[in-house]
C-alpha cells in the first residue's frame, strides 16, 4: 500500500503532463498557421546582351538589370549573357 500510492501518483502526473503538452502544441500550431503555406519560387532568366564578349559584359549587366544581375560570357557561340531574377 505504501508503494502503490506514489506509483499511482507518478503515473497520473505523467499522463497529465502529456495531455497538457499535446494540447499546447496542437493549439499553438493552429494559432500560428493562418492559411495554406505559400511557396515563393525564384525564377532565373538569361538575357543575351551582345553578340560578342568583352569586359563590358560584366559591368553593363548590373547597370541595366540591377545589382543582383550577373554578366558572364558564353564562348560557344561567343555571346554576353546576363543572368537575373525574373
Protein backbone atom coordinates (compact mmCIF):
# COMPACT_ATOMS: atom_id res chain seq x y z
CA UNK A 1 0.00 0.00 0.00
CA UNK A 2 2.87 2.35 0.79
CA UNK A 3 4.39 1.78 -2.65
CA UNK A 4 1.11 1.86 -4.61
CA UNK A 5 0.17 5.46 -3.86
CA UNK A 6 3.47 7.05 -5.05
CA UNK A 7 3.49 4.94 -8.21
CA UNK A 8 -0.14 5.80 -8.97
CA UNK A 9 0.58 9.48 -8.30
CA UNK A 10 3.60 9.47 -10.69
CA UNK A 11 1.52 7.70 -13.36
CA UNK A 12 -1.29 10.25 -13.14
CA UNK A 13 1.16 13.13 -13.12
CA UNK A 14 2.96 11.89 -16.25
CA UNK A 15 -0.33 11.34 -18.10
CA UNK A 16 -1.45 14.84 -17.14
CA UNK A 17 1.80 16.36 -18.41
CA UNK A 18 1.48 14.52 -21.73
CA UNK A 19 -2.08 15.80 -22.19
CA UNK A 20 -1.04 19.37 -21.41
CA UNK A 21 1.90 19.19 -23.84
CA UNK A 22 -0.33 17.70 -26.54
CA UNK A 23 -2.95 20.44 -26.27
CA UNK A 24 -0.30 23.15 -26.07
CA UNK A 25 1.41 22.02 -29.28
CA UNK A 26 -1.93 21.45 -31.02
CA UNK A 27 -3.31 24.91 -30.28
CA UNK A 28 -0.02 26.73 -30.89
CA UNK A 29 0.31 25.07 -34.29
CA UNK A 30 -3.13 26.15 -35.45
CA UNK A 31 -2.85 29.61 -33.90
CA UNK A 32 0.29 30.40 -35.93
CA UNK A 33 -0.79 28.99 -39.30
CA UNK A 34 -3.35 31.28 -40.83
CA UNK A 35 -3.97 29.59 -44.15
CA UNK A 36 -2.10 27.48 -46.67
CA UNK A 37 1.64 27.69 -46.88
CA UNK A 38 2.88 29.99 -49.64
CA UNK A 39 5.93 28.99 -51.65
CA UNK A 40 7.87 31.69 -53.44
CA UNK A 41 9.78 30.35 -56.39
CA UNK A 42 12.71 32.42 -57.60
CA UNK A 43 12.99 32.02 -61.35
CA UNK A 44 16.16 32.91 -63.19
CA UNK A 45 16.16 34.47 -66.66
CA UNK A 46 19.05 34.65 -69.10
CA UNK A 47 19.12 37.67 -71.41
CA UNK A 48 21.53 37.99 -74.32
CA UNK A 49 23.16 41.43 -74.22
CA UNK A 50 25.73 41.35 -77.04
CA UNK A 51 26.87 39.08 -79.86
CA UNK A 52 30.43 39.45 -78.61
CA UNK A 53 32.15 39.10 -75.27
CA UNK A 54 34.44 41.58 -73.55
CA UNK A 55 34.89 43.13 -70.11
CA UNK A 56 31.86 45.42 -70.66
CA UNK A 57 29.62 42.38 -70.23
CA UNK A 58 30.41 42.15 -66.51
CA UNK A 59 29.78 45.88 -65.94
CA UNK A 60 26.78 46.54 -68.20
CA UNK A 61 24.63 43.71 -66.89
CA UNK A 62 24.32 45.01 -63.28
CA UNK A 63 23.91 48.55 -64.63
CA UNK A 64 20.97 47.51 -66.83
CA UNK A 65 19.19 44.99 -64.58
CA UNK A 66 20.23 45.85 -61.03
CA UNK A 67 22.90 44.85 -58.56
CA UNK A 68 21.76 41.23 -58.30
CA UNK A 69 22.24 40.56 -62.02
CA UNK A 70 25.37 38.72 -63.15
CA UNK A 71 27.00 39.09 -66.54
CA UNK A 72 29.04 36.25 -68.00
CA UNK A 73 30.46 35.17 -71.32
CA UNK A 74 29.39 32.12 -73.23
CA UNK A 75 32.17 31.10 -75.59
CA UNK A 76 30.27 28.70 -77.86
CA UNK A 77 28.74 30.75 -79.51
CA UNK A 78 30.50 33.83 -78.21
CA UNK A 79 27.80 36.00 -76.60
CA UNK A 80 27.40 38.10 -73.47
CA UNK A 81 24.62 36.76 -71.25
CA UNK A 82 23.03 38.50 -68.30
CA UNK A 83 21.53 36.24 -65.64
CA UNK A 84 18.90 37.88 -63.45
CA UNK A 85 15.84 37.08 -61.39
CA UNK A 86 12.63 37.23 -63.46
